[in-house]
Structure formats: structure tokens, C-alpha cells
Amino acid sequence: MTRDPLKHPEELIRRVYSYVAFRIGPGPDAEDVTGETMLRAVRYRSSYDSRRGKPISWLIGIARTCVDDHFASRRVSQGEVDDVADREHVEAEVVERIDLANAVACLDQRDQELIALRYGADLSTREIGNVLGMTSNAVDVALHRSRQRLRAQLETGEGGSSPPSIRMSRPQPNVTG
């Protein structure tokens, strides 16, 4: 039985944006890629099969392709930062983001993808398994190892310019115009 995967789009859009922003950075590019993802989802909604997973897993699969298309079409520099209204904490936040982005960039593609799916898209290990074709246990192990490698990058300073006080949390979507 197939149901409409886009019946309640608000939460889905937020989670897709969070994943995309985690992969390419927040701002207009992430909004464009999120928009392209939703456009493709509407165009191909008949291909959704509820037996294969939840709508968010299906959308993240589409978003992964859109992110790959984005990177293929243009070079995005690591560490780009959008204007932030609250100037008080800008410097620390920018350094932390750059350190994290540099550390993530030092990881291999699989580790980057696992980190982005877990913390960018806020997918559960089961949902990540559906997206990547892995069991939940395999995702748990792979994600644990990816986090260890990321921590090592951050601790050695190879991923950044200062000792980070970073915690793994979900990015907040940029919803301002």
C-alpha cells in the first residue's frame, strides 16, 4: 500500500533542509537544493513505496542526489559563513563551524555521509539503514567509528585552528528570507 509521502510537508521540509545545510552549509544554496529535492519529490511521488521506509528516508535519498548534483555543478568552498544577526557570538560560532567543517572534510566520504544523515537530517539508525541499504546494527557500528574518527580529527587540531568545544547536535534551519 502506497500513501502520499508529502501529506505533511512542513516537518519533512525542515528535516531535508537540515540535512542539506549540514552537507553544504546553511543559506541560499541549501534552500535551493531543498527546493529542488521537494520539486523532484512532487514529480516522482508515485515512485514512493511505504513498504520500503518512511517518507523522510525516501526524501533524504532524493536530497543526497541533489547534493551530489550541487557539488558536481559548482565548487563550494569549505567554511563559508552567512551573515548572522547576533554579532556577539559570531566569531566563536564561526571558528567552531569552520573547525567542525574542516574536521568533517578530513573524513572519508562514507563517514561524512553517515554524520550528515545522523546529525544533519536527524535520521535514526534504522532510517539511515533504509537510505544506505544497511542493517541498523551495521549503521550503529559504522556511525560509532565515524564519530571516533571525527573526535580524533577535532582533538588533534588537524580539522581546525583551535581546540573545539563542539557537541554533536542538530543544526537549526535558516528560515529567514
N, C-alpha and C. Protein backbone atom coordinates (compact mmCIF):
# COMPACT_ATOMS: atom_id res chain seq x y z
N MET A 1 0.84 -1.18 0.00
CA MET A 1 0.00 0.00 0.00
C MET A 1 0.88 1.24 0.00
N THR A 2 0.66 2.13 -0.93
CA THR A 2 1.43 3.35 -1.03
C THR A 2 0.57 4.53 -0.59
N ARG A 3 1.09 5.33 0.30
CA ARG A 3 0.35 6.51 0.73
C ARG A 3 1.12 7.74 0.25
N ASP A 4 0.49 8.91 0.34
CA ASP A 4 1.12 10.14 -0.14
C ASP A 4 2.28 10.50 0.79
N PRO A 5 3.52 10.47 0.28
CA PRO A 5 4.67 10.76 1.13
C PRO A 5 4.78 12.24 1.51
N LEU A 6 4.04 13.09 0.83
CA LEU A 6 4.14 14.53 1.07
C LEU A 6 2.89 15.09 1.73
N LYS A 7 2.15 14.23 2.43
CA LYS A 7 0.90 14.63 3.05
C LYS A 7 1.11 15.72 4.11
N HIS A 8 2.18 15.63 4.86
CA HIS A 8 2.51 16.62 5.90
C HIS A 8 3.91 17.18 5.62
N PRO A 9 4.02 18.13 4.70
CA PRO A 9 5.34 18.55 4.21
C PRO A 9 6.17 19.42 5.16
N GLU A 10 5.56 20.10 6.11
CA GLU A 10 6.31 21.06 6.93
C GLU A 10 7.50 20.43 7.64
N GLU A 11 7.26 19.36 8.37
CA GLU A 11 8.33 18.69 9.11
C GLU A 11 9.33 18.05 8.15
N LEU A 12 8.85 17.50 7.04
CA LEU A 12 9.73 16.88 6.06
C LEU A 12 10.67 17.92 5.46
N ILE A 13 10.15 19.08 5.11
CA ILE A 13 10.98 20.14 4.53
C ILE A 13 12.05 20.57 5.52
N ARG A 14 11.67 20.73 6.79
CA ARG A 14 12.64 21.14 7.82
C ARG A 14 13.77 20.13 7.94
N ARG A 15 13.43 18.85 7.93
CA ARG A 15 14.46 17.81 8.08
C ARG A 15 15.32 17.70 6.83
N VAL A 16 14.72 17.84 5.66
CA VAL A 16 15.51 17.83 4.43
C VAL A 16 16.46 19.03 4.42
N TYR A 17 15.95 20.21 4.80
CA TYR A 17 16.82 21.38 4.85
C TYR A 17 17.97 21.17 5.83
N SER A 18 17.67 20.60 6.99
CA SER A 18 18.73 20.37 7.99
C SER A 18 19.82 19.47 7.42
N TYR A 19 19.42 18.41 6.72
CA TYR A 19 20.40 17.52 6.10
C TYR A 19 21.22 18.26 5.06
N VAL A 20 20.55 18.97 4.17
CA VAL A 20 21.24 19.68 3.10
C VAL A 20 22.18 20.74 3.68
N ALA A 21 21.69 21.51 4.66
CA ALA A 21 22.51 22.55 5.28
C ALA A 21 23.73 21.94 5.96
N PHE A 22 23.59 20.77 6.53
CA PHE A 22 24.72 20.09 7.15
C PHE A 22 25.76 19.74 6.11
N ARG A 23 25.31 19.31 4.93
CA ARG A 23 26.23 18.90 3.86
C ARG A 23 26.88 20.07 3.14
N ILE A 24 26.12 21.14 2.84
CA ILE A 24 26.67 22.21 2.01
C ILE A 24 26.74 23.56 2.71
N GLY A 25 26.21 23.65 3.91
CA GLY A 25 26.20 24.91 4.63
C GLY A 25 24.83 25.56 4.54
N PRO A 26 24.45 26.30 5.58
CA PRO A 26 23.13 26.94 5.56
C PRO A 26 23.10 28.11 4.60
N GLY A 27 21.91 28.50 4.19
CA GLY A 27 21.76 29.68 3.37
C GLY A 27 21.08 29.40 2.05
N PRO A 28 21.24 30.32 1.11
CA PRO A 28 20.51 30.23 -0.17
C PRO A 28 20.79 28.95 -0.96
N ASP A 29 22.03 28.48 -0.97
CA ASP A 29 22.32 27.25 -1.70
C ASP A 29 21.57 26.06 -1.10
N ALA A 30 21.55 25.98 0.23
CA ALA A 30 20.82 24.90 0.90
C ALA A 30 19.32 25.01 0.63
N GLU A 31 18.82 26.24 0.60
CA GLU A 31 17.41 26.44 0.30
C GLU A 31 17.10 26.00 -1.13
N ASP A 32 17.99 26.33 -2.06
CA ASP A 32 17.79 25.92 -3.46
C ASP A 32 17.80 24.40 -3.61
N VAL A 33 18.76 23.75 -2.95
CA VAL A 33 18.86 22.29 -3.04
C VAL A 33 17.64 21.64 -2.37
N THR A 34 17.20 22.21 -1.26
CA THR A 34 15.99 21.69 -0.61
C THR A 34 14.78 21.85 -1.53
N GLY A 35 14.69 23.00 -2.17
CA GLY A 35 13.60 23.24 -3.12
C GLY A 35 13.63 22.25 -4.28
N GLU A 36 14.84 21.99 -4.81
CA GLU A 36 14.99 21.02 -5.89
C GLU A 36 14.59 19.63 -5.42
N THR A 37 14.95 19.29 -4.20
CA THR A 37 14.57 17.99 -3.63
C THR A 37 13.06 17.85 -3.58
N MET A 38 12.39 18.88 -3.08
CA MET A 38 10.93 18.81 -2.96
C MET A 38 10.28 18.80 -4.34
N LEU A 39 10.84 19.53 -5.29
CA LEU A 39 10.31 19.52 -6.65
C LEU A 39 10.40 18.12 -7.26
N ARG A 40 11.55 17.47 -7.07
CA ARG A 40 11.70 16.10 -7.57
C ARG A 40 10.76 15.15 -6.84
N ALA A 41 10.56 15.38 -5.55
CA ALA A 41 9.67 14.51 -4.78
C ALA A 41 8.24 14.62 -5.30
N VAL A 42 7.81 15.84 -5.61
CA VAL A 42 6.47 16.02 -6.16
C VAL A 42 6.37 15.34 -7.52
N ARG A 43 7.40 15.54 -8.34
CA ARG A 43 7.42 14.96 -9.68
C ARG A 43 7.39 13.43 -9.64
N TYR A 44 8.11 12.84 -8.67
CA TYR A 44 8.24 11.38 -8.62
C TYR A 44 7.51 10.76 -7.43
N ARG A 45 6.51 11.45 -6.88
CA ARG A 45 5.83 10.93 -5.69
C ARG A 45 5.20 9.56 -5.93
N SER A 46 4.88 9.25 -7.17
CA SER A 46 4.28 7.93 -7.45
C SER A 46 5.30 6.79 -7.27
N SER A 47 6.59 7.12 -7.21
CA SER A 47 7.60 6.08 -7.02
C SER A 47 7.79 5.71 -5.54
N TYR A 48 7.19 6.48 -4.63
CA TYR A 48 7.32 6.20 -3.20
C TYR A 48 6.59 4.89 -2.86
N ASP A 49 7.28 4.06 -2.09
CA ASP A 49 6.71 2.79 -1.65
C ASP A 49 6.84 2.72 -0.13
N SER A 50 5.73 2.83 0.58
CA SER A 50 5.75 2.87 2.04
C SER A 50 6.31 1.59 2.66
N ARG A 51 6.32 0.49 1.91
CA ARG A 51 6.89 -0.76 2.44
C ARG A 51 8.41 -0.68 2.56
N ARG A 52 9.03 0.26 1.85
CA ARG A 52 10.49 0.37 1.86
C ARG A 52 11.01 1.37 2.89
N GLY A 53 10.11 2.07 3.57
CA GLY A 53 10.55 3.01 4.59
C GLY A 53 9.63 4.20 4.71
N LYS A 54 9.98 5.08 5.61
CA LYS A 54 9.20 6.28 5.87
C LYS A 54 9.46 7.32 4.78
N PRO A 55 8.56 8.28 4.65
CA PRO A 55 8.75 9.33 3.65
C PRO A 55 10.07 10.10 3.82
N ILE A 56 10.53 10.31 5.06
CA ILE A 56 11.77 11.07 5.24
C ILE A 56 12.96 10.31 4.66
N SER A 57 12.97 9.01 4.77
CA SER A 57 14.07 8.23 4.19
C SER A 57 14.06 8.37 2.67
N TRP A 58 12.89 8.32 2.07
CA TRP A 58 12.76 8.48 0.62
C TRP A 58 13.23 9.88 0.20
N LEU A 59 12.82 10.90 0.96
CA LEU A 59 13.22 12.27 0.63
C LEU A 59 14.73 12.49 0.80
N ILE A 60 15.31 11.90 1.83
CA ILE A 60 16.74 12.06 2.03
C ILE A 60 17.50 11.39 0.89
N GLY A 61 16.98 10.29 0.38
CA GLY A 61 17.59 9.67 -0.79
C GLY A 61 17.60 10.62 -1.98
N ILE A 62 16.49 11.32 -2.18
CA ILE A 62 16.43 12.32 -3.25
C ILE A 62 17.38 13.47 -2.94
N ALA A 63 17.41 13.92 -1.69
CA ALA A 63 18.28 15.02 -1.30
C ALA A 63 19.75 14.68 -1.51
N ARG A 64 20.13 13.45 -1.26
CA ARG A 64 21.52 13.02 -1.48
C ARG A 64 21.90 13.23 -2.94
N THR A 65 21.01 12.87 -3.85
CA THR A 65 21.27 13.05 -5.27
C THR A 65 21.37 14.54 -5.60
N CYS A 66 20.49 15.33 -5.03
CA CYS A 66 20.52 16.77 -5.28
C CYS A 66 21.80 17.42 -4.74
N VAL A 67 22.26 16.98 -3.57
CA VAL A 67 23.52 17.49 -3.02
C VAL A 67 24.68 17.11 -3.93
N ASP A 68 24.70 15.86 -4.39
CA ASP A 68 25.74 15.43 -5.33
C ASP A 68 25.70 16.28 -6.60
N ASP A 69 24.50 16.55 -7.11
CA ASP A 69 24.36 17.39 -8.30
C ASP A 69 24.89 18.80 -8.03
N HIS A 70 24.62 19.31 -6.84
CA HIS A 70 25.08 20.65 -6.45
C HIS A 70 26.61 20.71 -6.47
N PHE A 71 27.24 19.72 -5.84
CA PHE A 71 28.70 19.70 -5.81
C PHE A 71 29.30 19.50 -7.20
N ALA A 72 28.63 18.73 -8.02
CA ALA A 72 29.12 18.50 -9.38
C ALA A 72 29.01 19.77 -10.22
N SER A 73 28.01 20.59 -9.97
CA SER A 73 27.80 21.77 -10.80
C SER A 73 28.64 22.97 -10.37
N ARG A 74 29.11 23.00 -9.15
CA ARG A 74 29.94 24.12 -8.71
C ARG A 74 30.77 23.76 -7.49
N ARG A 75 31.85 24.44 -7.37
CA ARG A 75 32.73 24.23 -6.22
C ARG A 75 32.26 25.11 -5.08
N VAL A 76 32.03 24.47 -3.92
CA VAL A 76 31.62 25.22 -2.75
C VAL A 76 32.80 25.22 -1.79
N SER A 77 33.25 26.38 -1.40
CA SER A 77 34.40 26.45 -0.50
C SER A 77 33.98 26.04 0.91
N GLN A 78 34.82 25.27 1.56
CA GLN A 78 34.57 24.86 2.94
C GLN A 78 34.69 26.07 3.85
N GLY A 79 33.82 26.15 4.82
CA GLY A 79 33.93 27.19 5.82
C GLY A 79 33.22 28.48 5.46
N GLU A 80 32.45 28.53 4.36
CA GLU A 80 31.70 29.74 4.05
C GLU A 80 30.68 29.96 5.15
N VAL A 81 30.54 31.22 5.55
CA VAL A 81 29.64 31.54 6.65
C VAL A 81 28.69 32.65 6.20
N ASP A 82 27.42 32.47 6.43
CA ASP A 82 26.42 33.50 6.11
C ASP A 82 26.47 34.60 7.16
N ASP A 83 25.91 35.76 6.81
CA ASP A 83 25.77 36.84 7.79
C ASP A 83 24.88 36.37 8.92
N VAL A 84 25.24 36.73 10.12
CA VAL A 84 24.48 36.35 11.30
C VAL A 84 24.10 37.62 12.04
N ALA A 85 22.84 37.71 12.44
CA ALA A 85 22.34 38.93 13.07
C ALA A 85 23.00 39.19 14.43
N ASP A 86 23.20 38.17 15.23
CA ASP A 86 23.76 38.35 16.56
C ASP A 86 25.28 38.38 16.49
N ARG A 87 25.86 39.56 16.44
CA ARG A 87 27.31 39.73 16.26
C ARG A 87 28.12 39.39 17.51
N GLU A 88 27.47 39.30 18.66
CA GLU A 88 28.16 38.99 19.91
C GLU A 88 28.93 37.68 19.87
N HIS A 89 28.30 36.65 19.31
CA HIS A 89 28.87 35.31 19.35
C HIS A 89 29.35 34.84 17.99
N VAL A 90 29.42 35.75 17.05
CA VAL A 90 29.74 35.37 15.68
C VAL A 90 31.13 34.73 15.58
N GLU A 91 32.13 35.36 16.15
CA GLU A 91 33.49 34.85 15.99
C GLU A 91 33.65 33.43 16.53
N ALA A 92 33.17 33.19 17.74
CA ALA A 92 33.29 31.84 18.31
C ALA A 92 32.49 30.83 17.50
N GLU A 93 31.30 31.22 17.07
CA GLU A 93 30.47 30.31 16.29
C GLU A 93 31.12 30.01 14.94
N VAL A 94 31.69 31.02 14.32
CA VAL A 94 32.34 30.83 13.03
C VAL A 94 33.55 29.91 13.16
N VAL A 95 34.37 30.14 14.16
CA VAL A 95 35.54 29.29 14.36
C VAL A 95 35.11 27.85 14.63
N GLU A 96 34.08 27.68 15.44
CA GLU A 96 33.59 26.34 15.75
C GLU A 96 33.06 25.64 14.51
N ARG A 97 32.28 26.37 13.71
CA ARG A 97 31.75 25.79 12.47
C ARG A 97 32.85 25.43 11.48
N ILE A 98 33.82 26.31 11.36
CA ILE A 98 34.93 26.06 10.43
C ILE A 98 35.75 24.87 10.90
N ASP A 99 36.02 24.82 12.20
CA ASP A 99 36.76 23.68 12.74
C ASP A 99 36.02 22.37 12.48
N LEU A 100 34.72 22.37 12.74
CA LEU A 100 33.92 21.17 12.51
C LEU A 100 33.87 20.82 11.02
N ALA A 101 33.63 21.83 10.18
CA ALA A 101 33.57 21.59 8.73
C ALA A 101 34.90 21.04 8.22
N ASN A 102 36.00 21.59 8.70
CA ASN A 102 37.32 21.11 8.28
C ASN A 102 37.57 19.68 8.76
N ALA A 103 37.15 19.40 9.99
CA ALA A 103 37.33 18.05 10.53
C ALA A 103 36.47 17.05 9.76
N VAL A 104 35.24 17.41 9.47
CA VAL A 104 34.37 16.52 8.69
C VAL A 104 34.95 16.32 7.30
N ALA A 105 35.48 17.38 6.69
CA ALA A 105 36.06 17.29 5.35
C ALA A 105 37.27 16.36 5.31
N CYS A 106 37.93 16.17 6.44
CA CYS A 106 39.09 15.28 6.50
C CYS A 106 38.66 13.81 6.55
N LEU A 107 37.40 13.56 6.85
CA LEU A 107 36.90 12.19 6.90
C LEU A 107 36.65 11.68 5.49
N ASP A 108 36.58 10.36 5.35
CA ASP A 108 36.26 9.82 4.03
C ASP A 108 34.78 10.05 3.73
N GLN A 109 34.41 9.85 2.48
CA GLN A 109 33.06 10.15 2.02
C GLN A 109 31.98 9.39 2.81
N ARG A 110 32.24 8.14 3.15
CA ARG A 110 31.24 7.36 3.90
C ARG A 110 31.01 7.96 5.28
N ASP A 111 32.10 8.31 5.97
CA ASP A 111 31.96 8.93 7.29
C ASP A 111 31.21 10.25 7.19
N GLN A 112 31.53 11.04 6.19
CA GLN A 112 30.83 12.32 6.00
C GLN A 112 29.33 12.08 5.81
N GLU A 113 28.99 11.10 4.99
CA GLU A 113 27.59 10.81 4.72
C GLU A 113 26.87 10.33 5.97
N LEU A 114 27.50 9.45 6.74
CA LEU A 114 26.87 8.95 7.97
C LEU A 114 26.63 10.09 8.97
N ILE A 115 27.63 10.94 9.16
CA ILE A 115 27.50 12.08 10.07
C ILE A 115 26.38 13.00 9.59
N ALA A 116 26.33 13.27 8.30
CA ALA A 116 25.29 14.15 7.74
C ALA A 116 23.90 13.56 7.89
N LEU A 117 23.76 12.27 7.65
CA LEU A 117 22.45 11.64 7.79
C LEU A 117 21.98 11.63 9.24
N ARG A 118 22.90 11.38 10.17
CA ARG A 118 22.52 11.31 11.58
C ARG A 118 22.26 12.69 12.17
N TYR A 119 23.21 13.62 11.98
CA TYR A 119 23.12 14.91 12.65
C TYR A 119 22.56 16.01 11.76
N GLY A 120 22.70 15.87 10.46
CA GLY A 120 22.12 16.86 9.56
C GLY A 120 20.66 16.59 9.31
N ALA A 121 20.32 15.36 8.97
CA ALA A 121 18.93 15.00 8.67
C ALA A 121 18.19 14.48 9.89
N ASP A 122 18.90 14.23 10.98
CA ASP A 122 18.31 13.72 12.22
C ASP A 122 17.58 12.40 11.98
N LEU A 123 18.19 11.54 11.17
CA LEU A 123 17.61 10.23 10.92
C LEU A 123 18.03 9.25 12.00
N SER A 124 17.17 8.32 12.31
CA SER A 124 17.51 7.25 13.25
C SER A 124 18.43 6.26 12.52
N THR A 125 19.05 5.36 13.27
CA THR A 125 19.91 4.37 12.63
C THR A 125 19.10 3.48 11.69
N ARG A 126 17.88 3.20 12.05
CA ARG A 126 17.02 2.40 11.17
C ARG A 126 16.76 3.13 9.86
N GLU A 127 16.45 4.42 9.95
CA GLU A 127 16.19 5.21 8.74
C GLU A 127 17.45 5.34 7.89
N ILE A 128 18.60 5.51 8.54
CA ILE A 128 19.86 5.57 7.80
C ILE A 128 20.09 4.24 7.09
N GLY A 129 19.80 3.15 7.78
CA GLY A 129 19.93 1.84 7.17
C GLY A 129 19.07 1.70 5.93
N ASN A 130 17.85 2.22 5.98
CA ASN A 130 16.97 2.19 4.81
C ASN A 130 17.56 2.99 3.65
N VAL A 131 18.12 4.14 3.96
CA VAL A 131 18.69 5.01 2.91
C VAL A 131 19.93 4.35 2.28
N LEU A 132 20.77 3.77 3.14
CA LEU A 132 22.06 3.24 2.66
C LEU A 132 22.04 1.74 2.36
N GLY A 133 20.93 1.08 2.65
CA GLY A 133 20.87 -0.37 2.41
C GLY A 133 21.70 -1.16 3.40
N MET A 134 21.68 -0.75 4.67
CA MET A 134 22.44 -1.41 5.72
C MET A 134 21.49 -1.81 6.85
N THR A 135 21.93 -2.76 7.69
CA THR A 135 21.15 -3.09 8.87
C THR A 135 21.36 -2.01 9.93
N SER A 136 20.45 -1.92 10.88
CA SER A 136 20.58 -0.94 11.96
C SER A 136 21.86 -1.17 12.75
N ASN A 137 22.18 -2.44 13.01
CA ASN A 137 23.41 -2.74 13.76
C ASN A 137 24.65 -2.27 13.00
N ALA A 138 24.67 -2.50 11.69
CA ALA A 138 25.82 -2.06 10.89
C ALA A 138 25.92 -0.54 10.90
N VAL A 139 24.79 0.14 10.87
CA VAL A 139 24.80 1.61 10.93
C VAL A 139 25.32 2.06 12.28
N ASP A 140 24.85 1.44 13.36
CA ASP A 140 25.33 1.80 14.71
C ASP A 140 26.85 1.70 14.80
N VAL A 141 27.40 0.59 14.33
CA VAL A 141 28.84 0.37 14.39
C VAL A 141 29.58 1.39 13.51
N ALA A 142 29.09 1.56 12.29
CA ALA A 142 29.75 2.49 11.36
C ALA A 142 29.68 3.92 11.88
N LEU A 143 28.55 4.31 12.44
CA LEU A 143 28.39 5.66 12.98
C LEU A 143 29.28 5.87 14.20
N HIS A 144 29.37 4.87 15.05
CA HIS A 144 30.26 4.95 16.21
C HIS A 144 31.71 5.18 15.76
N ARG A 145 32.15 4.43 14.77
CA ARG A 145 33.51 4.58 14.27
C ARG A 145 33.71 5.93 13.58
N SER A 146 32.69 6.40 12.87
CA SER A 146 32.77 7.71 12.21
C SER A 146 32.92 8.82 13.25
N ARG A 147 32.14 8.73 14.33
CA ARG A 147 32.24 9.74 15.40
C ARG A 147 33.61 9.68 16.06
N GLN A 148 34.16 8.48 16.25
CA GLN A 148 35.50 8.36 16.83
C GLN A 148 36.54 9.06 15.94
N ARG A 149 36.44 8.82 14.63
CA ARG A 149 37.39 9.45 13.71
C ARG A 149 37.21 10.97 13.70
N LEU A 150 35.97 11.43 13.79
CA LEU A 150 35.72 12.88 13.84
C LEU A 150 36.29 13.48 15.12
N ARG A 151 36.05 12.83 16.24
CA ARG A 151 36.62 13.31 17.51
C ARG A 151 38.15 13.38 17.44
N ALA A 152 38.75 12.35 16.86
CA ALA A 152 40.21 12.33 16.73
C ALA A 152 40.68 13.51 15.88
N GLN A 153 39.98 13.80 14.80
CA GLN A 153 40.33 14.95 13.96
C GLN A 153 40.23 16.24 14.76
N LEU A 154 39.16 16.39 15.52
CA LEU A 154 38.96 17.60 16.30
C LEU A 154 39.99 17.73 17.42
N GLU A 155 40.33 16.61 18.07
CA GLU A 155 41.28 16.65 19.19
C GLU A 155 42.70 16.93 18.74
N THR A 156 43.08 16.42 17.57
CA THR A 156 44.44 16.66 17.09
C THR A 156 44.60 18.04 16.50
N GLY A 157 43.46 18.71 16.27
CA GLY A 157 43.54 20.04 15.69
C GLY A 157 43.74 20.02 14.19
N GLU A 158 43.82 18.82 13.60
CA GLU A 158 44.01 18.74 12.15
C GLU A 158 42.78 19.22 11.41
N GLY A 159 41.64 19.18 12.07
CA GLY A 159 40.41 19.63 11.43
C GLY A 159 40.13 21.08 11.65
N GLY A 160 40.89 21.74 12.52
CA GLY A 160 40.57 23.12 12.80
C GLY A 160 41.74 23.90 13.35
N SER A 161 41.47 25.17 13.63
CA SER A 161 42.53 26.07 14.06
C SER A 161 42.58 26.25 15.56
N SER A 162 41.59 25.77 16.30
CA SER A 162 41.60 25.92 17.74
C SER A 162 40.93 24.72 18.38
N PRO A 163 41.22 24.47 19.67
CA PRO A 163 40.57 23.34 20.33
C PRO A 163 39.06 23.57 20.38
N PRO A 164 38.30 22.67 19.81
CA PRO A 164 36.86 22.88 19.75
C PRO A 164 36.13 22.50 21.02
N SER A 165 35.03 23.16 21.25
CA SER A 165 34.12 22.76 22.33
C SER A 165 32.82 22.34 21.64
N ILE A 166 32.97 21.51 20.63
CA ILE A 166 31.84 21.16 19.77
C ILE A 166 31.06 20.00 20.36
N ARG A 167 29.79 20.04 20.20
CA ARG A 167 28.95 18.91 20.60
C ARG A 167 28.12 18.53 19.39
N MET A 168 27.83 17.26 19.27
CA MET A 168 27.05 16.79 18.14
C MET A 168 25.59 17.16 18.39
N SER A 169 25.08 18.10 17.64
CA SER A 169 23.68 18.48 17.75
C SER A 169 23.16 18.81 16.38
N ARG A 170 21.84 18.89 16.29
CA ARG A 170 21.23 19.20 15.01
C ARG A 170 21.38 20.68 14.70
N PRO A 171 21.70 21.02 13.44
CA PRO A 171 21.73 22.44 13.06
C PRO A 171 20.32 22.97 12.98
N GLN A 172 20.16 24.24 13.29
CA GLN A 172 18.86 24.86 13.17
C GLN A 172 18.72 25.41 11.76
N PRO A 173 17.62 25.13 11.10
CA PRO A 173 17.46 25.60 9.73
C PRO A 173 17.39 27.11 9.67
N ASN A 174 17.93 27.68 8.61
CA ASN A 174 17.90 29.11 8.37
C ASN A 174 16.58 29.42 7.70
N VAL A 175 15.64 29.96 8.45
CA VAL A 175 14.32 30.20 7.90
C VAL A 175 14.07 31.68 7.63
N THR A 176 15.09 32.49 7.78
CA THR A 176 14.91 33.90 7.47
C THR A 176 15.09 34.11 5.99
N GLY A 177 14.21 34.88 5.41
CA GLY A 177 14.15 35.19 3.99
C GLY A 177 15.33 34.95 3.23
